[in-house]
Amino acid sequence: MAQEKLGTAQWVLERQLEWVSNSEVKAGFITTIDIAMLGGLAVAFTACTNRDAVDFVTYP
């Protein structure tokens, strides 16, 4: 009986660790994309001759 409970607890722990590791990989990928997009926005803003942020965002 104790061996069965230990096996079940081990199985649950392995599933939870797998879930956490998968979410960490996805979070790292999403963070990388977000930082790249922020960098692109910074470059576009710096290249803009009109430095007014409101005009930059609402430019047609």
PDB file of N, CA and C in Angstrom:
ATOM      1  N   MET A   1       0.821  -1.197   0.000  1.00  0.00           N
ATOM      2  CA  MET A   1       0.000   0.000   0.000  1.00  0.00           C
ATOM      3  C   MET A   1       0.869   1.267   0.000  1.00  0.00           C
ATOM      4  N   ALA A   2       1.889   1.289   0.838  1.00  0.00           N
ATOM      5  CA  ALA A   2       2.777   2.448   0.907  1.00  0.00           C
ATOM      6  C   ALA A   2       3.558   2.599  -0.394  1.00  0.00           C
ATOM      7  N   GLN A   3       3.921   1.466  -1.001  1.00  0.00           N
ATOM      8  CA  GLN A   3       4.667   1.497  -2.262  1.00  0.00           C
ATOM      9  C   GLN A   3       3.788   2.081  -3.379  1.00  0.00           C
ATOM     10  N   GLU A   4       2.508   1.773  -3.342  1.00  0.00           N
ATOM     11  CA  GLU A   4       1.579   2.297  -4.339  1.00  0.00           C
ATOM     12  C   GLU A   4       1.399   3.809  -4.174  1.00  0.00           C
ATOM     13  N   LYS A   5       1.288   4.269  -2.945  1.00  0.00           N
ATOM     14  CA  LYS A   5       1.175   5.712  -2.680  1.00  0.00           C
ATOM     15  C   LYS A   5       2.433   6.448  -3.107  1.00  0.00           C
ATOM     16  N   LEU A   6       3.587   5.826  -2.863  1.00  0.00           N
ATOM     17  CA  LEU A   6       4.853   6.434  -3.271  1.00  0.00           C
ATOM     18  C   LEU A   6       4.934   6.527  -4.790  1.00  0.00           C
ATOM     19  N   GLY A   7       4.509   5.473  -5.473  1.00  0.00           N
ATOM     20  CA  GLY A   7       4.503   5.496  -6.939  1.00  0.00           C
ATOM     21  C   GLY A   7       3.584   6.560  -7.491  1.00  0.00           C
ATOM     22  N   THR A   8       2.402   6.704  -6.882  1.00  0.00           N
ATOM     23  CA  THR A   8       1.453   7.726  -7.319  1.00  0.00           C
ATOM     24  C   THR A   8       2.013   9.121  -7.070  1.00  0.00           C
ATOM     25  N   ALA A   9       2.599   9.342  -5.913  1.00  0.00           N
ATOM     26  CA  ALA A   9       3.182  10.650  -5.598  1.00  0.00           C
ATOM     27  C   ALA A   9       4.333  10.977  -6.549  1.00  0.00           C
ATOM     28  N   GLN A  10       5.116   9.987  -6.891  1.00  0.00           N
ATOM     29  CA  GLN A  10       6.225  10.179  -7.823  1.00  0.00           C
ATOM     30  C   GLN A  10       5.692  10.568  -9.202  1.00  0.00           C
ATOM     31  N   TRP A  11       4.635   9.880  -9.634  1.00  0.00           N
ATOM     32  CA  TRP A  11       4.044  10.150 -10.941  1.00  0.00           C
ATOM     33  C   TRP A  11       3.486  11.581 -10.987  1.00  0.00           C
ATOM     34  N   VAL A  12       2.799  12.000  -9.916  1.00  0.00           N
ATOM     35  CA  VAL A  12       2.240  13.352  -9.850  1.00  0.00           C
ATOM     36  C   VAL A  12       3.361  14.386  -9.872  1.00  0.00           C
ATOM     37  N   LEU A  13       4.418  14.149  -9.116  1.00  0.00           N
ATOM     38  CA  LEU A  13       5.551  15.083  -9.092  1.00  0.00           C
ATOM     39  C   LEU A  13       6.194  15.190 -10.467  1.00  0.00           C
ATOM     40  N   GLU A  14       6.365  14.085 -11.173  1.00  0.00           N
ATOM     41  CA  GLU A  14       6.965  14.121 -12.511  1.00  0.00           C
ATOM     42  C   GLU A  14       6.097  14.916 -13.473  1.00  0.00           C
ATOM     43  N   ARG A  15       4.794  14.743 -13.389  1.00  0.00           N
ATOM     44  CA  ARG A  15       3.887  15.505 -14.262  1.00  0.00           C
ATOM     45  C   ARG A  15       3.963  16.997 -13.964  1.00  0.00           C
ATOM     46  N   GLN A  16       4.004  17.354 -12.696  1.00  0.00           N
ATOM     47  CA  GLN A  16       4.078  18.773 -12.338  1.00  0.00           C
ATOM     48  C   GLN A  16       5.404  19.387 -12.778  1.00  0.00           C
ATOM     49  N   LEU A  17       6.492  18.664 -12.613  1.00  0.00           N
ATOM     50  CA  LEU A  17       7.797  19.180 -13.046  1.00  0.00           C
ATOM     51  C   LEU A  17       7.847  19.345 -14.559  1.00  0.00           C
ATOM     52  N   GLU A  18       7.229  18.430 -15.286  1.00  0.00           N
ATOM     53  CA  GLU A  18       7.180  18.541 -16.744  1.00  0.00           C
ATOM     54  C   GLU A  18       6.379  19.770 -17.156  1.00  0.00           C
ATOM     55  N   TRP A  19       5.252  20.012 -16.477  1.00  0.00           N
ATOM     56  CA  TRP A  19       4.418  21.172 -16.774  1.00  0.00           C
ATOM     57  C   TRP A  19       5.187  22.466 -16.522  1.00  0.00           C
ATOM     58  N   VAL A  20       5.903  22.530 -15.421  1.00  0.00           N
ATOM     59  CA  VAL A  20       6.667  23.731 -15.080  1.00  0.00           C
ATOM     60  C   VAL A  20       7.782  23.956 -16.090  1.00  0.00           C
ATOM     61  N   SER A  21       8.489  22.907 -16.478  1.00  0.00           N
ATOM     62  CA  SER A  21       9.585  23.086 -17.429  1.00  0.00           C
ATOM     63  C   SER A  21       9.064  23.527 -18.786  1.00  0.00           C
ATOM     64  N   ASN A  22       7.913  23.009 -19.210  1.00  0.00           N
ATOM     65  CA  ASN A  22       7.331  23.440 -20.485  1.00  0.00           C
ATOM     66  C   ASN A  22       6.923  24.901 -20.443  1.00  0.00           C
ATOM     67  N   SER A  23       6.365  25.339 -19.340  1.00  0.00           N
ATOM     68  CA  SER A  23       5.942  26.739 -19.246  1.00  0.00           C
ATOM     69  C   SER A  23       7.147  27.674 -19.171  1.00  0.00           C
ATOM     70  N   GLU A  24       8.240  27.230 -18.575  1.00  0.00           N
ATOM     71  CA  GLU A  24       9.450  28.062 -18.520  1.00  0.00           C
ATOM     72  C   GLU A  24      10.021  28.288 -19.913  1.00  0.00           C
ATOM     73  N   VAL A  25       9.998  27.259 -20.745  1.00  0.00           N
ATOM     74  CA  VAL A  25      10.506  27.390 -22.114  1.00  0.00           C
ATOM     75  C   VAL A  25       9.645  28.381 -22.889  1.00  0.00           C
ATOM     76  N   LYS A  26       8.324  28.260 -22.748  1.00  0.00           N
ATOM     77  CA  LYS A  26       7.429  29.171 -23.462  1.00  0.00           C
ATOM     78  C   LYS A  26       7.593  30.605 -22.966  1.00  0.00           C
ATOM     79  N   ALA A  27       7.745  30.786 -21.684  1.00  0.00           N
ATOM     80  CA  ALA A  27       7.902  32.132 -21.129  1.00  0.00           C
ATOM     81  C   ALA A  27       9.198  32.764 -21.630  1.00  0.00           C
ATOM     82  N   GLY A  28      10.266  31.988 -21.719  1.00  0.00           N
ATOM     83  CA  GLY A  28      11.529  32.508 -22.235  1.00  0.00           C
ATOM     84  C   GLY A  28      11.409  32.937 -23.686  1.00  0.00           C
ATOM     85  N   PHE A  29      10.714  32.136 -24.479  1.00  0.00           N
ATOM     86  CA  PHE A  29      10.532  32.464 -25.897  1.00  0.00           C
ATOM     87  C   PHE A  29       9.698  33.732 -26.048  1.00  0.00           C
ATOM     88  N   ILE A  30       8.623  33.831 -25.298  1.00  0.00           N
ATOM     89  CA  ILE A  30       7.747  35.002 -25.388  1.00  0.00           C
ATOM     90  C   ILE A  30       8.482  36.261 -24.922  1.00  0.00           C
ATOM     91  N   THR A  31       9.272  36.143 -23.872  1.00  0.00           N
ATOM     92  CA  THR A  31      10.043  37.286 -23.378  1.00  0.00           C
ATOM     93  C   THR A  31      11.039  37.764 -24.430  1.00  0.00           C
ATOM     94  N   THR A  32      11.681  36.820 -25.118  1.00  0.00           N
ATOM     95  CA  THR A  32      12.626  37.176 -26.173  1.00  0.00           C
ATOM     96  C   THR A  32      11.937  37.935 -27.295  1.00  0.00           C
ATOM     97  N   ILE A  33      10.779  37.456 -27.714  1.00  0.00           N
ATOM     98  CA  ILE A  33      10.031  38.141 -28.776  1.00  0.00           C
ATOM     99  C   ILE A  33       9.599  39.538 -28.319  1.00  0.00           C
ATOM    100  N   ASP A  34       9.145  39.660 -27.084  1.00  0.00           N
ATOM    101  CA  ASP A  34       8.719  40.961 -26.566  1.00  0.00           C
ATOM    102  C   ASP A  34       9.867  41.960 -26.539  1.00  0.00           C
ATOM    103  N   ILE A  35      11.031  41.520 -26.111  1.00  0.00           N
ATOM    104  CA  ILE A  35      12.193  42.418 -26.050  1.00  0.00           C
ATOM    105  C   ILE A  35      12.611  42.833 -27.455  1.00  0.00           C
ATOM    106  N   ALA A  36      12.549  41.900 -28.401  1.00  0.00           N
ATOM    107  CA  ALA A  36      12.892  42.238 -29.783  1.00  0.00           C
ATOM    108  C   ALA A  36      11.914  43.257 -30.357  1.00  0.00           C
ATOM    109  N   MET A  37      10.631  43.100 -30.063  1.00  0.00           N
ATOM    110  CA  MET A  37       9.636  44.060 -30.548  1.00  0.00           C
ATOM    111  C   MET A  37       9.839  45.435 -29.904  1.00  0.00           C
ATOM    112  N   LEU A  38      10.188  45.442 -28.634  1.00  0.00           N
ATOM    113  CA  LEU A  38      10.459  46.705 -27.951  1.00  0.00           C
ATOM    114  C   LEU A  38      11.683  47.384 -28.562  1.00  0.00           C
ATOM    115  N   GLY A  39      12.700  46.619 -28.899  1.00  0.00           N
ATOM    116  CA  GLY A  39      13.881  47.174 -29.549  1.00  0.00           C
ATOM    117  C   GLY A  39      13.554  47.755 -30.911  1.00  0.00           C
ATOM    118  N   GLY A  40      12.709  47.052 -31.666  1.00  0.00           N
ATOM    119  CA  GLY A  40      12.280  47.565 -32.971  1.00  0.00           C
ATOM    120  C   GLY A  40      11.507  48.869 -32.843  1.00  0.00           C
ATOM    121  N   LEU A  41      10.666  48.944 -31.830  1.00  0.00           N
ATOM    122  CA  LEU A  41       9.914  50.174 -31.591  1.00  0.00           C
ATOM    123  C   LEU A  41      10.851  51.317 -31.197  1.00  0.00           C
ATOM    124  N   ALA A  42      11.864  50.999 -30.400  1.00  0.00           N
ATOM    125  CA  ALA A  42      12.835  52.028 -30.003  1.00  0.00           C
ATOM    126  C   ALA A  42      13.608  52.547 -31.219  1.00  0.00           C
ATOM    127  N   VAL A  43      13.990  51.654 -32.111  1.00  0.00           N
ATOM    128  CA  VAL A  43      14.704  52.065 -33.322  1.00  0.00           C
ATOM    129  C   VAL A  43      13.806  52.923 -34.195  1.00  0.00           C
ATOM    130  N   ALA A  44      12.550  52.515 -34.347  1.00  0.00           N
ATOM    131  CA  ALA A  44      11.625  53.293 -35.173  1.00  0.00           C
ATOM    132  C   ALA A  44      11.378  54.667 -34.559  1.00  0.00           C
ATOM    133  N   PHE A  45      11.274  54.730 -33.249  1.00  0.00           N
ATOM    134  CA  PHE A  45      11.048  56.009 -32.586  1.00  0.00           C
ATOM    135  C   PHE A  45      12.265  56.918 -32.721  1.00  0.00           C
ATOM    136  N   THR A  46      13.459  56.328 -32.637  1.00  0.00           N
ATOM    137  CA  THR A  46      14.680  57.131 -32.755  1.00  0.00           C
ATOM    138  C   THR A  46      14.861  57.639 -34.179  1.00  0.00           C
ATOM    139  N   ALA A  47      14.438  56.852 -35.151  1.00  0.00           N
ATOM    140  CA  ALA A  47      14.588  57.255 -36.547  1.00  0.00           C
ATOM    141  C   ALA A  47      13.552  58.295 -36.956  1.00  0.00           C
ATOM    142  N   CYS A  48      12.532  58.448 -36.166  1.00  0.00           N
ATOM    143  CA  CYS A  48      11.466  59.400 -36.478  1.00  0.00           C
ATOM    144  C   CYS A  48      11.987  60.830 -36.287  1.00  0.00           C
ATOM    145  N   THR A  49      11.699  61.698 -37.259  1.00  0.00           N
ATOM    146  CA  THR A  49      12.147  63.086 -37.133  1.00  0.00           C
ATOM    147  C   THR A  49      11.259  63.864 -36.180  1.00  0.00           C
ATOM    148  N   ASN A  50      10.022  63.463 -36.075  1.00  0.00           N
ATOM    149  CA  ASN A  50       9.100  64.116 -35.149  1.00  0.00           C
ATOM    150  C   ASN A  50       9.173  63.354 -33.824  1.00  0.00           C
ATOM    151  N   ARG A  51       9.699  63.966 -32.773  1.00  0.00           N
ATOM    152  CA  ARG A  51       9.943  63.284 -31.496  1.00  0.00           C
ATOM    153  C   ARG A  51       8.729  63.270 -30.572  1.00  0.00           C
ATOM    154  N   ASP A  52       7.608  63.801 -31.018  1.00  0.00           N
ATOM    155  CA  ASP A  52       6.425  63.804 -30.170  1.00  0.00           C
ATOM    156  C   ASP A  52       5.815  62.401 -30.151  1.00  0.00           C
ATOM    157  N   ALA A  53       5.771  61.796 -28.984  1.00  0.00           N
ATOM    158  CA  ALA A  53       5.318  60.412 -28.868  1.00  0.00           C
ATOM    159  C   ALA A  53       3.865  60.256 -29.279  1.00  0.00           C
ATOM    160  N   VAL A  54       3.046  61.228 -28.993  1.00  0.00           N
ATOM    161  CA  VAL A  54       1.625  61.133 -29.368  1.00  0.00           C
ATOM    162  C   VAL A  54       1.474  61.119 -30.877  1.00  0.00           C
ATOM    163  N   ASP A  55       2.197  61.993 -31.553  1.00  0.00           N
ATOM    164  CA  ASP A  55       2.139  62.011 -33.009  1.00  0.00           C
ATOM    165  C   ASP A  55       2.720  60.717 -33.588  1.00  0.00           C
ATOM    166  N   PHE A  56       3.733  60.168 -32.945  1.00  0.00           N
ATOM    167  CA  PHE A  56       4.354  58.947 -33.436  1.00  0.00           C
ATOM    168  C   PHE A  56       3.371  57.777 -33.373  1.00  0.00           C
ATOM    169  N   VAL A  57       2.638  57.682 -32.273  1.00  0.00           N
ATOM    170  CA  VAL A  57       1.708  56.572 -32.096  1.00  0.00           C
ATOM    171  C   VAL A  57       0.480  56.726 -32.974  1.00  0.00           C
ATOM    172  N   THR A  58      -0.001  57.935 -33.135  1.00  0.00           N
ATOM    173  CA  THR A  58      -1.225  58.155 -33.895  1.00  0.00           C
ATOM    174  C   THR A  58      -0.962  58.510 -35.358  1.00  0.00           C
ATOM    175  N   TYR A  59       0.236  58.309 -35.846  1.00  0.00           N
ATOM    176  CA  TYR A  59       0.569  58.618 -37.233  1.00  0.00           C
ATOM    177  C   TYR A  59      -0.260  57.747 -38.155  1.00  0.00           C
ATOM    178  N   PRO A  60      -0.914  58.338 -39.164  1.00  0.00           N
ATOM    179  CA  PRO A  60      -1.812  57.553 -40.049  1.00  0.00           C
ATOM    180  C   PRO A  60      -1.083  56.565 -40.883  1.00  0.00           C
TER     181      PRO A  60
END
